[in-house]
Structures are given as C-alpha cells and as structure tokens.
Amino acid sequence: MKEFVPYEKMNKKQKREFDRKRRGTWNCSPVTRIAQTDAKHYSRKIKHKNNGRDDSLPF
C-alpha cells in the first residue's frame, strides 16, 4: 500500500500526475474560449467624407 505524502511535499512529477488525475473529473474544460463571430475582418471606416460639399461644382 502506498504511503500518504502531502501535496506540498510531492516532487514535481508526482504533482503533475496527481493534477492530471483530478482534471479528468472536471465537468467543463478550463480552457478559455473565444466566441465564434462572422465578422473576421475589421473593415475600416472612411476617414474623410466630402462634408456635404459637392466637388463637381466650380468655385
């Protein structure tokens, strides 16, 4: 039978194995996810409009 070793005293390899076993029982994935959207590209707005002027008329 294995002897009980507190988590703080386990070596790195043992802690990893212990954490992997506990993660298997999680109900949801702890990975942060980004919601899928249709807008994948940013479309730039027009910087300058003609400000209501009609450039076709002479000055």
N, C-alpha and C. Protein backbone atom coordinates (compact mmCIF):
# COMPACT_ATOMS: atom_id res chain seq x y z
N MET A 1 0.83 -1.17 0.00
CA MET A 1 0.00 0.00 0.00
C MET A 1 0.88 1.24 0.00
N LYS A 2 0.45 2.25 -0.76
CA LYS A 2 1.25 3.47 -0.84
C LYS A 2 1.11 4.30 0.42
N GLU A 3 2.20 4.94 0.77
CA GLU A 3 2.20 5.81 1.93
C GLU A 3 1.68 7.18 1.52
N PHE A 4 0.88 7.82 2.38
CA PHE A 4 0.34 9.14 2.07
C PHE A 4 1.44 10.19 2.13
N VAL A 5 1.53 10.98 1.08
CA VAL A 5 2.50 12.08 1.02
C VAL A 5 1.71 13.35 0.76
N PRO A 6 1.86 14.38 1.60
CA PRO A 6 1.13 15.62 1.37
C PRO A 6 1.52 16.25 0.03
N TYR A 7 0.57 16.97 -0.56
CA TYR A 7 0.79 17.58 -1.87
C TYR A 7 2.00 18.51 -1.86
N GLU A 8 2.18 19.26 -0.79
CA GLU A 8 3.29 20.21 -0.71
C GLU A 8 4.65 19.52 -0.74
N LYS A 9 4.70 18.26 -0.29
CA LYS A 9 5.97 17.54 -0.22
C LYS A 9 6.22 16.65 -1.43
N MET A 10 5.25 16.57 -2.34
CA MET A 10 5.45 15.76 -3.54
C MET A 10 6.45 16.44 -4.46
N ASN A 11 7.15 15.63 -5.25
CA ASN A 11 8.04 16.23 -6.23
C ASN A 11 7.22 16.66 -7.44
N LYS A 12 7.85 17.36 -8.36
CA LYS A 12 7.15 17.97 -9.49
C LYS A 12 6.42 16.93 -10.35
N LYS A 13 7.06 15.82 -10.60
CA LYS A 13 6.48 14.77 -11.43
C LYS A 13 5.23 14.19 -10.78
N GLN A 14 5.28 13.95 -9.49
CA GLN A 14 4.14 13.40 -8.76
C GLN A 14 2.98 14.40 -8.73
N LYS A 15 3.30 15.70 -8.57
CA LYS A 15 2.25 16.72 -8.57
C LYS A 15 1.54 16.77 -9.91
N ARG A 16 2.29 16.69 -10.99
CA ARG A 16 1.70 16.71 -12.33
C ARG A 16 0.74 15.54 -12.53
N GLU A 17 1.18 14.35 -12.13
CA GLU A 17 0.36 13.16 -12.27
C GLU A 17 -0.91 13.27 -11.43
N PHE A 18 -0.78 13.79 -10.22
CA PHE A 18 -1.92 13.97 -9.34
C PHE A 18 -2.92 14.96 -9.94
N ASP A 19 -2.40 16.07 -10.49
CA ASP A 19 -3.26 17.09 -11.10
C ASP A 19 -3.97 16.55 -12.34
N ARG A 20 -3.28 15.75 -13.14
CA ARG A 20 -3.89 15.16 -14.33
C ARG A 20 -5.05 14.25 -13.96
N LYS A 21 -4.91 13.49 -12.92
CA LYS A 21 -5.99 12.61 -12.48
C LYS A 21 -7.20 13.41 -12.01
N ARG A 22 -6.97 14.50 -11.30
CA ARG A 22 -8.08 15.33 -10.83
C ARG A 22 -8.77 16.05 -11.98
N ARG A 23 -8.01 16.48 -12.98
CA ARG A 23 -8.59 17.19 -14.12
C ARG A 23 -9.53 16.31 -14.93
N GLY A 24 -9.34 15.03 -14.88
CA GLY A 24 -10.19 14.13 -15.63
C GLY A 24 -11.63 14.13 -15.14
N THR A 25 -11.87 14.61 -13.93
CA THR A 25 -13.21 14.60 -13.36
C THR A 25 -13.92 15.94 -13.51
N TRP A 26 -13.29 16.92 -14.13
CA TRP A 26 -13.94 18.22 -14.28
C TRP A 26 -15.11 18.11 -15.26
N ASN A 27 -16.16 18.87 -15.01
CA ASN A 27 -17.34 18.84 -15.87
C ASN A 27 -17.16 19.67 -17.13
N CYS A 28 -16.39 20.73 -17.05
CA CYS A 28 -16.18 21.59 -18.22
C CYS A 28 -14.68 21.79 -18.40
N SER A 29 -14.31 22.17 -19.60
CA SER A 29 -12.91 22.39 -19.89
C SER A 29 -12.46 23.74 -19.32
N PRO A 30 -11.31 23.82 -18.66
CA PRO A 30 -10.86 25.09 -18.09
C PRO A 30 -10.22 26.03 -19.11
N VAL A 31 -10.19 25.62 -20.37
CA VAL A 31 -9.55 26.42 -21.40
C VAL A 31 -10.44 27.61 -21.74
N THR A 32 -9.85 28.79 -21.81
CA THR A 32 -10.60 29.98 -22.19
C THR A 32 -10.91 29.90 -23.67
N ARG A 33 -12.16 30.14 -24.01
CA ARG A 33 -12.58 30.04 -25.40
C ARG A 33 -13.12 31.39 -25.87
N ILE A 34 -12.95 31.65 -27.16
CA ILE A 34 -13.44 32.87 -27.78
C ILE A 34 -14.66 32.51 -28.62
N ALA A 35 -15.72 33.29 -28.49
CA ALA A 35 -16.93 33.02 -29.25
C ALA A 35 -16.68 33.25 -30.73
N GLN A 36 -17.21 32.36 -31.55
CA GLN A 36 -17.05 32.48 -32.99
C GLN A 36 -17.97 33.58 -33.50
N THR A 37 -17.43 34.46 -34.31
CA THR A 37 -18.24 35.53 -34.90
C THR A 37 -18.10 35.50 -36.41
N ASP A 38 -19.05 36.11 -37.09
CA ASP A 38 -19.00 36.18 -38.54
C ASP A 38 -18.03 37.26 -39.01
N ALA A 39 -17.88 38.30 -38.21
CA ALA A 39 -17.01 39.41 -38.60
C ALA A 39 -15.56 39.06 -38.28
N LYS A 40 -14.88 38.50 -39.23
CA LYS A 40 -13.49 38.11 -39.00
C LYS A 40 -12.52 39.19 -39.39
N HIS A 41 -12.95 40.08 -40.28
CA HIS A 41 -12.07 41.14 -40.73
C HIS A 41 -12.61 42.48 -40.28
N TYR A 42 -11.72 43.35 -39.88
CA TYR A 42 -12.10 44.69 -39.48
C TYR A 42 -12.17 45.55 -40.72
N SER A 43 -13.33 46.13 -40.98
CA SER A 43 -13.46 46.99 -42.15
C SER A 43 -13.31 48.44 -41.68
N ARG A 44 -12.33 49.10 -42.23
CA ARG A 44 -12.08 50.48 -41.83
C ARG A 44 -13.16 51.40 -42.33
N LYS A 45 -13.49 52.37 -41.50
CA LYS A 45 -14.47 53.37 -41.91
C LYS A 45 -13.75 54.41 -42.77
N ILE A 46 -14.51 55.12 -43.56
CA ILE A 46 -13.94 56.18 -44.38
C ILE A 46 -13.51 57.31 -43.46
N LYS A 47 -12.27 57.74 -43.56
CA LYS A 47 -11.75 58.75 -42.66
C LYS A 47 -12.37 60.12 -42.94
N HIS A 48 -12.43 60.48 -44.21
CA HIS A 48 -12.93 61.81 -44.57
C HIS A 48 -14.01 61.69 -45.62
N LYS A 49 -15.15 62.21 -45.29
CA LYS A 49 -16.19 62.31 -46.30
C LYS A 49 -16.06 63.69 -46.93
N ASN A 50 -16.86 63.97 -47.91
CA ASN A 50 -16.74 65.27 -48.55
C ASN A 50 -17.48 66.35 -47.78
N ASN A 51 -17.90 66.09 -46.56
CA ASN A 51 -18.52 67.05 -45.65
C ASN A 51 -19.69 67.80 -46.26
N GLY A 52 -20.47 67.16 -47.08
CA GLY A 52 -21.64 67.79 -47.65
C GLY A 52 -21.35 68.68 -48.85
N ARG A 53 -20.10 68.83 -49.21
CA ARG A 53 -19.75 69.66 -50.37
C ARG A 53 -19.93 68.86 -51.64
N ASP A 54 -20.26 69.53 -52.68
CA ASP A 54 -20.35 68.89 -53.99
C ASP A 54 -19.15 69.34 -54.79
N ASP A 55 -18.18 68.46 -54.97
CA ASP A 55 -16.94 68.83 -55.65
C ASP A 55 -17.10 68.95 -57.15
N SER A 56 -18.27 68.59 -57.68
CA SER A 56 -18.46 68.67 -59.12
C SER A 56 -18.73 70.12 -59.57
N LEU A 57 -19.12 71.00 -58.64
CA LEU A 57 -19.39 72.40 -58.99
C LEU A 57 -18.11 73.24 -58.93
N PRO A 58 -17.91 74.14 -59.87
CA PRO A 58 -16.72 75.01 -59.81
C PRO A 58 -16.86 76.06 -58.70
N PHE A 59 -15.76 76.61 -58.24
CA PHE A 59 -15.77 77.60 -57.17
C PHE A 59 -16.24 78.93 -57.64
